[in-house]
Amino acid sequence: MKVFHGLNNLDRIPRRTICTIGVFDGVHCGHRFILQRLINRAKREKSSSLVITFHPHPYKLVRPECSPPLLISLRHRLFLMERMGIDFCLVIPFNKKFAHLSPLFFVKNILFKHLKIKALYLGDNFRFGFRQEGDIQLLKELSKKFDFCLNIISPLKYRKRIISSSWIRREVCAGNLELVSHLLGHPYSIYGKVIKGEGRGKVLGFPTANLDIEQEAIPPSGVYLVKVYLDKKIYPALLYIGTKPTFSKRGFLSVEVYLLNFRGKLYGRYLEVEFIKRLRAERRFKKISALISAMKQDELSARQFFS
């Protein structure tokens, strides 16, 4: 997937694409239904699929008091869309200048004049343009005027409830990861860059990789069984989320992963970590020896599980 940032790159994107527009936070089942329709039609008509997305989330600018914590980072979002098979993605910086564009200007000058899209797929609650004045009815009129096919997709439901990013966020923060996997259409995962930590894990006998995951909605603190995807290989692993209460009363939130069968350097590399289940909650140990014993038991449980 080729990714372009900003409206200055419009001319680098092929014309007559099959397009969709949205934030797609989480790339959940509802999003995937639209994206798959996009991909299938593009292949059928020997065209290209194009996703137009925004960063940061529009609410951070227009309604900061209602701005939701993101399920996944922009980098993770792009990673998941590329895995699905999207050909091109245009990331538009959502700033004051862009937010003041009228719906007509956006369709006429971006979708029609520059991109000349062939078809547009959207959810039925899509709104766009200054003060969200553009809606599906306006798009129906403009699609006829500017010669593109408009396809409106009804939302997907799970247990008679519409699947939404806000619903999934709440379930992630509550630790209901089995339900989250159903709503996403795939196991819940985090994606981040390995950064340098304090090196305490190595001293304790468990060299962990510290992750900068760039996202805001994460599961409750604790130790989890996970799979780590790296260079098209899968490694069984343990993941720790917490503030290290054994060492500090006011620690910062840390996300660390311990790969069971890996030797090598990970600094600077990106890992996708897929959750399986929670082993135990975070706790404060009175002695370091007790913490080490608990970590050894966590490793034993993990090896027994993955065997």
C-alpha atoms as a PDB file:
ATOM      1  CA  MET A   1       0.000   0.000   0.000  1.00  0.00           C
ATOM      2  CA  LYS A   2       1.323   3.420  -0.950  1.00  0.00           C
ATOM      3  CA  VAL A   3       0.622   6.128   1.616  1.00  0.00           C
ATOM      4  CA  PHE A   4       0.531   9.848   0.823  1.00  0.00           C
ATOM      5  CA  HIS A   5       0.277  12.618   3.395  1.00  0.00           C
ATOM      6  CA  GLY A   6      -1.407  15.941   2.642  1.00  0.00           C
ATOM      7  CA  LEU A   7      -3.381  17.445  -0.228  1.00  0.00           C
ATOM      8  CA  ASN A   8      -0.173  18.398  -2.052  1.00  0.00           C
ATOM      9  CA  ASN A   9       0.169  14.762  -3.099  1.00  0.00           C
ATOM     10  CA  LEU A  10      -3.173  14.384  -4.875  1.00  0.00           C
ATOM     11  CA  ASP A  11      -1.549  14.241  -8.310  1.00  0.00           C
ATOM     12  CA  ARG A  12       0.516  11.208  -7.266  1.00  0.00           C
ATOM     13  CA  ILE A  13      -2.626   9.084  -6.786  1.00  0.00           C
ATOM     14  CA  PRO A  14      -4.083   7.224  -9.808  1.00  0.00           C
ATOM     15  CA  ARG A  15      -7.353   8.499 -11.272  1.00  0.00           C
ATOM     16  CA  ARG A  16     -10.636   6.569 -11.353  1.00  0.00           C
ATOM     17  CA  THR A  17     -10.084   4.758  -8.063  1.00  0.00           C
ATOM     18  CA  ILE A  18     -12.690   3.005  -5.960  1.00  0.00           C
ATOM     19  CA  CYS A  19     -12.692   5.200  -2.849  1.00  0.00           C
ATOM     20  CA  THR A  20     -13.895   5.443   0.725  1.00  0.00           C
ATOM     21  CA  ILE A  21     -13.511   8.157   3.367  1.00  0.00           C
ATOM     22  CA  GLY A  22     -13.334   7.944   7.158  1.00  0.00           C
ATOM     23  CA  VAL A  23     -11.212   7.728  10.283  1.00  0.00           C
ATOM     24  CA  PHE A  24     -11.577   3.926  10.551  1.00  0.00           C
ATOM     25  CA  ASP A  25     -10.342   3.835  14.148  1.00  0.00           C
ATOM     26  CA  GLY A  26      -9.848   0.190  15.050  1.00  0.00           C
ATOM     27  CA  VAL A  27     -10.531  -1.073  11.507  1.00  0.00           C
ATOM     28  CA  HIS A  28     -13.412  -3.074  13.025  1.00  0.00           C
ATOM     29  CA  CYS A  29     -15.963  -5.372  11.363  1.00  0.00           C
ATOM     30  CA  GLY A  30     -18.052  -2.484  10.041  1.00  0.00           C
ATOM     31  CA  HIS A  31     -15.003  -0.800   8.545  1.00  0.00           C
ATOM     32  CA  ARG A  32     -13.748  -4.083   7.110  1.00  0.00           C
ATOM     33  CA  PHE A  33     -17.062  -4.714   5.392  1.00  0.00           C
ATOM     34  CA  ILE A  34     -16.730  -1.411   3.526  1.00  0.00           C
ATOM     35  CA  LEU A  35     -13.015  -1.893   2.796  1.00  0.00           C
ATOM     36  CA  GLN A  36     -13.559  -5.394   1.445  1.00  0.00           C
ATOM     37  CA  ARG A  37     -16.296  -4.146  -0.881  1.00  0.00           C
ATOM     38  CA  LEU A  38     -13.792  -1.544  -2.079  1.00  0.00           C
ATOM     39  CA  ILE A  39     -11.067  -4.105  -2.693  1.00  0.00           C
ATOM     40  CA  ASN A  40     -13.376  -6.565  -4.454  1.00  0.00           C
ATOM     41  CA  ARG A  41     -14.767  -3.962  -6.851  1.00  0.00           C
ATOM     42  CA  ALA A  42     -11.322  -2.540  -7.618  1.00  0.00           C
ATOM     43  CA  LYS A  43     -10.047  -6.008  -8.548  1.00  0.00           C
ATOM     44  CA  ARG A  44     -13.159  -6.773 -10.568  1.00  0.00           C
ATOM     45  CA  GLU A  45     -12.874  -3.553 -12.570  1.00  0.00           C
ATOM     46  CA  LYS A  46      -9.037  -3.600 -12.732  1.00  0.00           C
ATOM     47  CA  SER A  47      -8.897  -0.342 -10.838  1.00  0.00           C
ATOM     48  CA  SER A  48      -7.208   0.707  -7.566  1.00  0.00           C
ATOM     49  CA  SER A  49      -8.661   0.998  -4.072  1.00  0.00           C
ATOM     50  CA  LEU A  50      -8.166   4.290  -2.225  1.00  0.00           C
ATOM     51  CA  VAL A  51      -8.811   5.157   1.423  1.00  0.00           C
ATOM     52  CA  ILE A  52      -8.962   8.817   2.441  1.00  0.00           C
ATOM     53  CA  THR A  53      -8.454   9.139   6.169  1.00  0.00           C
ATOM     54  CA  PHE A  54      -7.659  11.888   8.677  1.00  0.00           C
ATOM     55  CA  HIS A  55      -5.149  12.559  11.418  1.00  0.00           C
ATOM     56  CA  PRO A  56      -5.695  13.594  14.128  1.00  0.00           C
ATOM     57  CA  HIS A  57      -9.302  12.558  14.775  1.00  0.00           C
ATOM     58  CA  PRO A  58     -11.568  15.444  13.627  1.00  0.00           C
ATOM     59  CA  TYR A  59     -13.153  15.651  17.079  1.00  0.00           C
ATOM     60  CA  LYS A  60      -9.793  16.711  18.547  1.00  0.00           C
ATOM     61  CA  LEU A  61     -10.202  19.972  16.646  1.00  0.00           C
ATOM     62  CA  VAL A  62     -13.928  20.622  16.320  1.00  0.00           C
ATOM     63  CA  ARG A  63     -15.182  19.032  19.563  1.00  0.00           C
ATOM     64  CA  PRO A  64     -12.173  18.500  21.851  1.00  0.00           C
ATOM     65  CA  GLU A  65     -14.395  17.968  24.883  1.00  0.00           C
ATOM     66  CA  CYS A  66     -15.894  14.928  23.137  1.00  0.00           C
ATOM     67  CA  SER A  67     -12.661  13.702  21.559  1.00  0.00           C
ATOM     68  CA  PRO A  68     -12.426   9.938  22.155  1.00  0.00           C
ATOM     69  CA  PRO A  69      -9.258   8.062  23.065  1.00  0.00           C
ATOM     70  CA  LEU A  70      -8.043   6.314  19.941  1.00  0.00           C
ATOM     71  CA  LEU A  71      -8.313   2.557  19.724  1.00  0.00           C
ATOM     72  CA  ILE A  72      -5.202   2.336  17.588  1.00  0.00           C
ATOM     73  CA  SER A  73      -2.525   4.679  16.294  1.00  0.00           C
ATOM     74  CA  LEU A  74      -2.409   5.996  12.743  1.00  0.00           C
ATOM     75  CA  ARG A  75       0.559   3.711  12.025  1.00  0.00           C
ATOM     76  CA  HIS A  76      -1.407   0.673  13.259  1.00  0.00           C
ATOM     77  CA  ARG A  77      -4.440   1.741  11.223  1.00  0.00           C
ATOM     78  CA  LEU A  78      -2.343   1.923   8.049  1.00  0.00           C
ATOM     79  CA  PHE A  79      -0.720  -1.423   8.877  1.00  0.00           C
ATOM     80  CA  LEU A  80      -4.110  -3.160   9.142  1.00  0.00           C
ATOM     81  CA  MET A  81      -5.452  -1.596   5.946  1.00  0.00           C
ATOM     82  CA  GLU A  82      -2.330  -2.621   4.054  1.00  0.00           C
ATOM     83  CA  ARG A  83      -2.737  -6.183   5.357  1.00  0.00           C
ATOM     84  CA  MET A  84      -6.281  -6.220   3.958  1.00  0.00           C
ATOM     85  CA  GLY A  85      -5.012  -5.298   0.505  1.00  0.00           C
ATOM     86  CA  ILE A  86      -5.804  -1.592   0.081  1.00  0.00           C
ATOM     87  CA  ASP A  87      -3.720  -0.086  -2.750  1.00  0.00           C
ATOM     88  CA  PHE A  88      -3.477   3.596  -1.770  1.00  0.00           C
ATOM     89  CA  CYS A  89      -4.149   5.703   1.298  1.00  0.00           C
ATOM     90  CA  LEU A  90      -4.312   9.494   1.517  1.00  0.00           C
ATOM     91  CA  VAL A  91      -3.822  10.840   5.045  1.00  0.00           C
ATOM     92  CA  ILE A  92      -5.212  14.370   5.318  1.00  0.00           C
ATOM     93  CA  PRO A  93      -4.012  16.488   8.275  1.00  0.00           C
ATOM     94  CA  PHE A  94      -7.209  17.602   9.957  1.00  0.00           C
ATOM     95  CA  ASN A  95      -6.481  21.250  10.755  1.00  0.00           C
ATOM     96  CA  LYS A  96      -8.496  24.481  10.882  1.00  0.00           C
ATOM     97  CA  LYS A  97      -7.970  25.220   7.202  1.00  0.00           C
ATOM     98  CA  PHE A  98      -9.244  21.824   6.109  1.00  0.00           C
ATOM     99  CA  ALA A  99     -12.124  21.882   8.612  1.00  0.00           C
ATOM    100  CA  HIS A 100     -13.448  25.077   6.992  1.00  0.00           C
ATOM    101  CA  LEU A 101     -13.732  23.583   3.503  1.00  0.00           C
ATOM    102  CA  SER A 102     -17.319  23.415   2.277  1.00  0.00           C
ATOM    103  CA  PRO A 103     -18.786  20.046   1.244  1.00  0.00           C
ATOM    104  CA  LEU A 104     -19.077  21.308  -2.346  1.00  0.00           C
ATOM    105  CA  PHE A 105     -15.429  22.387  -2.460  1.00  0.00           C
ATOM    106  CA  PHE A 106     -14.266  19.019  -1.129  1.00  0.00           C
ATOM    107  CA  VAL A 107     -16.229  17.007  -3.676  1.00  0.00           C
ATOM    108  CA  LYS A 108     -15.603  19.307  -6.643  1.00  0.00           C
ATOM    109  CA  ASN A 109     -11.932  20.076  -6.146  1.00  0.00           C
ATOM    110  CA  ILE A 110     -10.596  16.973  -4.413  1.00  0.00           C
ATOM    111  CA  LEU A 111     -12.766  14.007  -5.352  1.00  0.00           C
ATOM    112  CA  PHE A 112     -13.661  15.173  -8.871  1.00  0.00           C
ATOM    113  CA  LYS A 113     -11.059  17.619 -10.215  1.00  0.00           C
ATOM    114  CA  HIS A 114      -7.916  15.986  -8.809  1.00  0.00           C
ATOM    115  CA  LEU A 115      -8.781  12.366  -8.056  1.00  0.00           C
ATOM    116  CA  LYS A 116     -11.623  11.820 -10.544  1.00  0.00           C
ATOM    117  CA  ILE A 117     -12.877   8.928  -8.412  1.00  0.00           C
ATOM    118  CA  LYS A 118     -14.912   6.226 -10.087  1.00  0.00           C
ATOM    119  CA  ALA A 119     -16.950   5.096  -7.089  1.00  0.00           C
ATOM    120  CA  LEU A 120     -17.362   6.091  -3.457  1.00  0.00           C
ATOM    121  CA  TYR A 121     -18.330   3.735  -0.620  1.00  0.00           C
ATOM    122  CA  LEU A 122     -19.587   5.227   2.663  1.00  0.00           C
ATOM    123  CA  GLY A 123     -21.497   4.331   5.814  1.00  0.00           C
ATOM    124  CA  ASP A 124     -25.039   5.692   6.010  1.00  0.00           C
ATOM    125  CA  ASN A 125     -24.199   8.126   8.837  1.00  0.00           C
ATOM    126  CA  PHE A 126     -21.328   9.841   6.999  1.00  0.00           C
ATOM    127  CA  ARG A 127     -21.105  13.638   7.307  1.00  0.00           C
ATOM    128  CA  PHE A 128     -18.404  15.959   6.043  1.00  0.00           C
ATOM    129  CA  GLY A 129     -17.381  19.530   5.327  1.00  0.00           C
ATOM    130  CA  PHE A 130     -17.614  22.723   7.355  1.00  0.00           C
ATOM    131  CA  ARG A 131     -19.793  22.182  10.446  1.00  0.00           C
ATOM    132  CA  GLN A 132     -20.642  18.739   9.006  1.00  0.00           C
ATOM    133  CA  GLU A 133     -23.043  20.367   6.570  1.00  0.00           C
ATOM    134  CA  GLY A 134     -22.516  17.622   4.003  1.00  0.00           C
ATOM    135  CA  ASP A 135     -24.618  14.476   4.299  1.00  0.00           C
ATOM    136  CA  ILE A 136     -25.633  11.480   2.220  1.00  0.00           C
ATOM    137  CA  GLN A 137     -28.458  13.342   0.496  1.00  0.00           C
ATOM    138  CA  LEU A 138     -26.078  16.057  -0.696  1.00  0.00           C
ATOM    139  CA  LEU A 139     -23.605  13.408  -1.865  1.00  0.00           C
ATOM    140  CA  LYS A 140     -26.333  11.726  -3.914  1.00  0.00           C
ATOM    141  CA  GLU A 141     -26.899  15.006  -5.754  1.00  0.00           C
ATOM    142  CA  LEU A 142     -23.192  15.710  -6.208  1.00  0.00           C
ATOM    143  CA  SER A 143     -22.429  12.179  -7.401  1.00  0.00           C
ATOM    144  CA  LYS A 144     -24.732  12.734 -10.376  1.00  0.00           C
ATOM    145  CA  LYS A 145     -23.235  16.146 -11.094  1.00  0.00           C
ATOM    146  CA  PHE A 146     -19.619  14.990 -10.894  1.00  0.00           C
ATOM    147  CA  ASP A 147     -20.071  11.532 -12.386  1.00  0.00           C
ATOM    148  CA  PHE A 148     -19.147   9.013  -9.714  1.00  0.00           C
ATOM    149  CA  CYS A 149     -21.068   6.038  -8.355  1.00  0.00           C
ATOM    150  CA  LEU A 150     -22.175   6.430  -4.727  1.00  0.00           C
ATOM    151  CA  ASN A 151     -22.630   3.288  -2.630  1.00  0.00           C
ATOM    152  CA  ILE A 152     -24.142   3.593   0.857  1.00  0.00           C
ATOM    153  CA  ILE A 153     -23.429   0.722   3.248  1.00  0.00           C
ATOM    154  CA  SER A 154     -25.695  -0.053   6.204  1.00  0.00           C
ATOM    155  CA  PRO A 155     -23.913  -0.542   9.542  1.00  0.00           C
ATOM    156  CA  LEU A 156     -23.066  -4.034  10.741  1.00  0.00           C
ATOM    157  CA  LYS A 157     -24.559  -5.257  14.001  1.00  0.00           C
ATOM    158  CA  TYR A 158     -23.512  -7.696  16.680  1.00  0.00           C
ATOM    159  CA  ARG A 159     -26.226  -9.032  18.961  1.00  0.00           C
ATOM    160  CA  LYS A 160     -28.642  -6.484  17.456  1.00  0.00           C
ATOM    161  CA  ARG A 161     -26.341  -3.576  18.340  1.00  0.00           C
ATOM    162  CA  ILE A 162     -24.468  -1.433  15.810  1.00  0.00           C
ATOM    163  CA  ILE A 163     -20.720  -2.051  15.917  1.00  0.00           C
ATOM    164  CA  SER A 164     -18.871   1.187  16.656  1.00  0.00           C
ATOM    165  CA  SER A 165     -15.402   2.326  17.694  1.00  0.00           C
ATOM    166  CA  SER A 166     -16.819   3.911  20.856  1.00  0.00           C
ATOM    167  CA  TRP A 167     -18.372   0.594  21.934  1.00  0.00           C
ATOM    168  CA  ILE A 168     -15.114  -1.241  21.302  1.00  0.00           C
ATOM    169  CA  ARG A 169     -13.111   1.383  23.238  1.00  0.00           C
ATOM    170  CA  ARG A 170     -15.253   0.815  26.328  1.00  0.00           C
ATOM    171  CA  GLU A 171     -14.857  -2.954  26.096  1.00  0.00           C
ATOM    172  CA  VAL A 172     -11.071  -2.709  25.654  1.00  0.00           C
ATOM    173  CA  CYS A 173     -10.731  -0.509  28.742  1.00  0.00           C
ATOM    174  CA  ALA A 174     -12.963  -2.924  30.663  1.00  0.00           C
ATOM    175  CA  GLY A 175     -10.824  -5.878  29.614  1.00  0.00           C
ATOM    176  CA  ASN A 176     -13.553  -7.706  27.686  1.00  0.00           C
ATOM    177  CA  LEU A 177     -11.148  -8.799  24.976  1.00  0.00           C
ATOM    178  CA  GLU A 178     -13.137 -11.810  23.775  1.00  0.00           C
ATOM    179  CA  LEU A 179     -16.051  -9.534  22.920  1.00  0.00           C
ATOM    180  CA  VAL A 180     -13.634  -7.017  21.412  1.00  0.00           C
ATOM    181  CA  SER A 181     -12.312  -9.708  19.061  1.00  0.00           C
ATOM    182  CA  HIS A 182     -15.849 -10.412  17.833  1.00  0.00           C
ATOM    183  CA  LEU A 183     -16.465  -6.706  17.196  1.00  0.00           C
ATOM    184  CA  LEU A 184     -13.132  -6.208  15.430  1.00  0.00           C
ATOM    185  CA  GLY A 185     -13.404  -9.353  13.341  1.00  0.00           C
ATOM    186  CA  HIS A 186      -9.909 -10.359  14.449  1.00  0.00           C
ATOM    187  CA  PRO A 187      -8.036 -10.744  17.754  1.00  0.00           C
ATOM    188  CA  TYR A 188      -7.340  -7.481  19.553  1.00  0.00           C
ATOM    189  CA  SER A 189      -3.774  -6.286  19.073  1.00  0.00           C
ATOM    190  CA  ILE A 190      -1.460  -3.383  19.775  1.00  0.00           C
ATOM    191  CA  TYR A 191       1.293  -2.135  17.491  1.00  0.00           C
ATOM    192  CA  GLY A 192       4.354  -0.228  18.553  1.00  0.00           C
ATOM    193  CA  LYS A 193       8.014   0.551  18.301  1.00  0.00           C
ATOM    194  CA  VAL A 194      10.539  -1.049  20.642  1.00  0.00           C
ATOM    195  CA  ILE A 195      12.207   1.677  22.690  1.00  0.00           C
ATOM    196  CA  LYS A 196      14.860   1.664  25.401  1.00  0.00           C
ATOM    197  CA  GLY A 197      13.625   1.141  28.933  1.00  0.00           C
ATOM    198  CA  GLU A 198      15.271   0.998  32.330  1.00  0.00           C
ATOM    199  CA  GLY A 199      16.806  -2.428  31.693  1.00  0.00           C
ATOM    200  CA  ARG A 200      15.265  -3.768  34.891  1.00  0.00           C
ATOM    201  CA  GLY A 201      13.733  -6.812  33.180  1.00  0.00           C
ATOM    202  CA  LYS A 202      17.146  -8.052  32.072  1.00  0.00           C
ATOM    203  CA  VAL A 203      18.481  -7.685  35.624  1.00  0.00           C
ATOM    204  CA  LEU A 204      15.542  -9.746  36.924  1.00  0.00           C
ATOM    205  CA  GLY A 205      16.215 -12.461  34.358  1.00  0.00           C
ATOM    206  CA  PHE A 206      13.421 -11.523  31.956  1.00  0.00           C
ATOM    207  CA  PRO A 207      14.701  -9.220  29.197  1.00  0.00           C
ATOM    208  CA  THR A 208      11.627  -7.396  27.978  1.00  0.00           C
ATOM    209  CA  ALA A 209      11.056  -5.118  25.003  1.00  0.00           C
ATOM    210  CA  ASN A 210       9.468  -1.797  25.946  1.00  0.00           C
ATOM    211  CA  LEU A 211       6.810  -0.673  23.469  1.00  0.00           C
ATOM    212  CA  ASP A 212       5.758   2.820  22.493  1.00  0.00           C
ATOM    213  CA  ILE A 213       2.283   2.015  21.217  1.00  0.00           C
ATOM    214  CA  GLU A 214       1.089   5.578  20.475  1.00  0.00           C
ATOM    215  CA  GLN A 215      -2.494   4.708  21.346  1.00  0.00           C
ATOM    216  CA  GLU A 216      -4.770   5.703  24.184  1.00  0.00           C
ATOM    217  CA  ALA A 217      -7.268   2.889  24.737  1.00  0.00           C
ATOM    218  CA  ILE A 218      -5.510  -0.104  26.288  1.00  0.00           C
ATOM    219  CA  PRO A 219      -6.679  -3.058  28.421  1.00  0.00           C
ATOM    220  CA  PRO A 220      -6.447  -3.070  32.240  1.00  0.00           C
ATOM    221  CA  SER A 221      -3.065  -3.498  33.890  1.00  0.00           C
ATOM    222  CA  GLY A 222      -1.811  -7.038  34.278  1.00  0.00           C
ATOM    223  CA  VAL A 223       0.092  -9.876  32.618  1.00  0.00           C
ATOM    224  CA  TYR A 224      -1.232 -11.316  29.353  1.00  0.00           C
ATOM    225  CA  LEU A 225      -0.542 -14.269  27.088  1.00  0.00           C
ATOM    226  CA  VAL A 226       0.130 -12.862  23.624  1.00  0.00           C
ATOM    227  CA  LYS A 227       1.533 -13.617  20.182  1.00  0.00           C
ATOM    228  CA  VAL A 228       4.140 -11.311  18.676  1.00  0.00           C
ATOM    229  CA  TYR A 229       4.346 -10.844  14.906  1.00  0.00           C
ATOM    230  CA  LEU A 230       7.812  -9.965  13.630  1.00  0.00           C
ATOM    231  CA  ASP A 231       9.237 -10.430  10.126  1.00  0.00           C
ATOM    232  CA  LYS A 232       6.364 -12.726   9.127  1.00  0.00           C
ATOM    233  CA  LYS A 233       7.131 -14.984  12.113  1.00  0.00           C
ATOM    234  CA  ILE A 234       5.008 -15.544  15.218  1.00  0.00           C
ATOM    235  CA  TYR A 235       6.562 -15.706  18.676  1.00  0.00           C
ATOM    236  CA  PRO A 236       4.770 -16.818  21.864  1.00  0.00           C
ATOM    237  CA  ALA A 237       5.178 -14.147  24.500  1.00  0.00           C
ATOM    238  CA  LEU A 238       4.069 -12.513  27.731  1.00  0.00           C
ATOM    239  CA  LEU A 239       2.927  -8.898  27.879  1.00  0.00           C
ATOM    240  CA  TYR A 240       2.956  -6.655  30.922  1.00  0.00           C
ATOM    241  CA  ILE A 241       0.856  -3.501  31.215  1.00  0.00           C
ATOM    242  CA  GLY A 242       1.240  -1.465  34.388  1.00  0.00           C
ATOM    243  CA  THR A 243       3.032   1.121  36.491  1.00  0.00           C
ATOM    244  CA  LYS A 244       5.562  -1.189  38.221  1.00  0.00           C
ATOM    245  CA  PRO A 245       4.148  -0.650  41.727  1.00  0.00           C
ATOM    246  CA  THR A 246       6.816  -2.881  43.284  1.00  0.00           C
ATOM    247  CA  PHE A 247       9.437  -0.290  42.375  1.00  0.00           C
ATOM    248  CA  SER A 248       7.503   2.985  42.496  1.00  0.00           C
ATOM    249  CA  LYS A 249       4.261   4.328  43.958  1.00  0.00           C
ATOM    250  CA  ARG A 250       3.884   6.835  41.140  1.00  0.00           C
ATOM    251  CA  GLY A 251       5.211   5.011  38.124  1.00  0.00           C
ATOM    252  CA  PHE A 252       4.372   5.788  34.529  1.00  0.00           C
ATOM    253  CA  LEU A 253       2.358   3.304  32.506  1.00  0.00           C
ATOM    254  CA  SER A 254       4.643   0.775  30.881  1.00  0.00           C
ATOM    255  CA  VAL A 255       3.966  -1.767  28.130  1.00  0.00           C
ATOM    256  CA  GLU A 256       6.590  -4.520  27.948  1.00  0.00           C
ATOM    257  CA  VAL A 257       6.703  -7.783  26.030  1.00  0.00           C
ATOM    258  CA  TYR A 258       8.828 -10.851  26.780  1.00  0.00           C
ATOM    259  CA  LEU A 259       9.330 -13.152  23.776  1.00  0.00           C
ATOM    260  CA  LEU A 260       9.785 -16.743  24.912  1.00  0.00           C
ATOM    261  CA  ASN A 261      11.793 -18.101  22.004  1.00  0.00           C
ATOM    262  CA  PHE A 262      13.673 -15.147  20.597  1.00  0.00           C
ATOM    263  CA  ARG A 263      17.291 -14.052  20.644  1.00  0.00           C
ATOM    264  CA  GLY A 264      18.387 -10.866  18.975  1.00  0.00           C
ATOM    265  CA  LYS A 265      18.043  -7.111  19.046  1.00  0.00           C
ATOM    266  CA  LEU A 266      14.643  -5.454  18.841  1.00  0.00           C
ATOM    267  CA  TYR A 267      15.377  -1.765  19.421  1.00  0.00           C
ATOM    268  CA  GLY A 268      13.741   0.435  16.811  1.00  0.00           C
ATOM    269  CA  ARG A 269      11.622  -2.335  15.319  1.00  0.00           C
ATOM    270  CA  TYR A 270       7.831  -2.423  15.161  1.00  0.00           C
ATOM    271  CA  LEU A 271       5.916  -5.309  16.713  1.00  0.00           C
ATOM    272  CA  GLU A 272       2.287  -6.312  16.452  1.00  0.00           C
ATOM    273  CA  VAL A 273       1.187  -7.940  19.706  1.00  0.00           C
ATOM    274  CA  GLU A 274      -1.984 -10.035  19.577  1.00  0.00           C
ATOM    275  CA  PHE A 275      -3.796 -10.709  22.858  1.00  0.00           C
ATOM    276  CA  ILE A 276      -4.896 -14.209  23.835  1.00  0.00           C
ATOM    277  CA  LYS A 277      -5.928 -13.963  27.479  1.00  0.00           C
ATOM    278  CA  ARG A 278      -5.086 -12.319  30.787  1.00  0.00           C
ATOM    279  CA  LEU A 279      -3.020 -14.393  33.186  1.00  0.00           C
ATOM    280  CA  ARG A 280      -3.271 -12.185  36.254  1.00  0.00           C
ATOM    281  CA  ALA A 281      -3.862  -8.655  37.484  1.00  0.00           C
ATOM    282  CA  GLU A 282      -1.040  -6.305  38.380  1.00  0.00           C
ATOM    283  CA  ARG A 283       0.018  -6.341  42.027  1.00  0.00           C
ATOM    284  CA  ARG A 284       2.659  -4.857  44.290  1.00  0.00           C
ATOM    285  CA  PHE A 285       5.154  -7.317  45.770  1.00  0.00           C
ATOM    286  CA  LYS A 286       6.826  -6.607  49.104  1.00  0.00           C
ATOM    287  CA  LYS A 287      10.034  -8.329  48.023  1.00  0.00           C
ATOM    288  CA  ILE A 288      11.835  -8.486  44.678  1.00  0.00           C
ATOM    289  CA  SER A 289      12.252 -12.244  45.202  1.00  0.00           C
ATOM    290  CA  ALA A 290       8.448 -12.611  45.306  1.00  0.00           C
ATOM    291  CA  LEU A 291       8.134 -10.687  42.040  1.00  0.00           C
ATOM    292  CA  ILE A 292      10.724 -12.922  40.376  1.00  0.00           C
ATOM    293  CA  SER A 293       8.870 -16.037  41.605  1.00  0.00           C
ATOM    294  CA  ALA A 294       5.634 -14.695  40.110  1.00  0.00           C
ATOM    295  CA  MET A 295       7.373 -13.946  36.810  1.00  0.00           C
ATOM    296  CA  LYS A 296       8.789 -17.472  36.694  1.00  0.00           C
ATOM    297  CA  GLN A 297       5.313 -18.860  37.257  1.00  0.00           C
ATOM    298  CA  ASP A 298       3.976 -16.596  34.472  1.00  0.00           C
ATOM    299  CA  GLU A 299       6.634 -17.957  32.112  1.00  0.00           C
ATOM    300  CA  LEU A 300       5.855 -21.557  33.106  1.00  0.00           C
ATOM    301  CA  SER A 301       2.134 -20.984  32.493  1.00  0.00           C
ATOM    302  CA  ALA A 302       2.897 -19.420  29.124  1.00  0.00           C
ATOM    303  CA  ARG A 303       5.153 -22.270  28.002  1.00  0.00           C
ATOM    304  CA  GLN A 304       2.579 -24.849  29.078  1.00  0.00           C
ATOM    305  CA  PHE A 305      -0.142 -22.959  27.204  1.00  0.00           C
ATOM    306  CA  PHE A 306       1.804 -22.581  23.983  1.00  0.00           C
ATOM    307  CA  SER A 307       3.116 -26.150  24.059  1.00  0.00           C
END
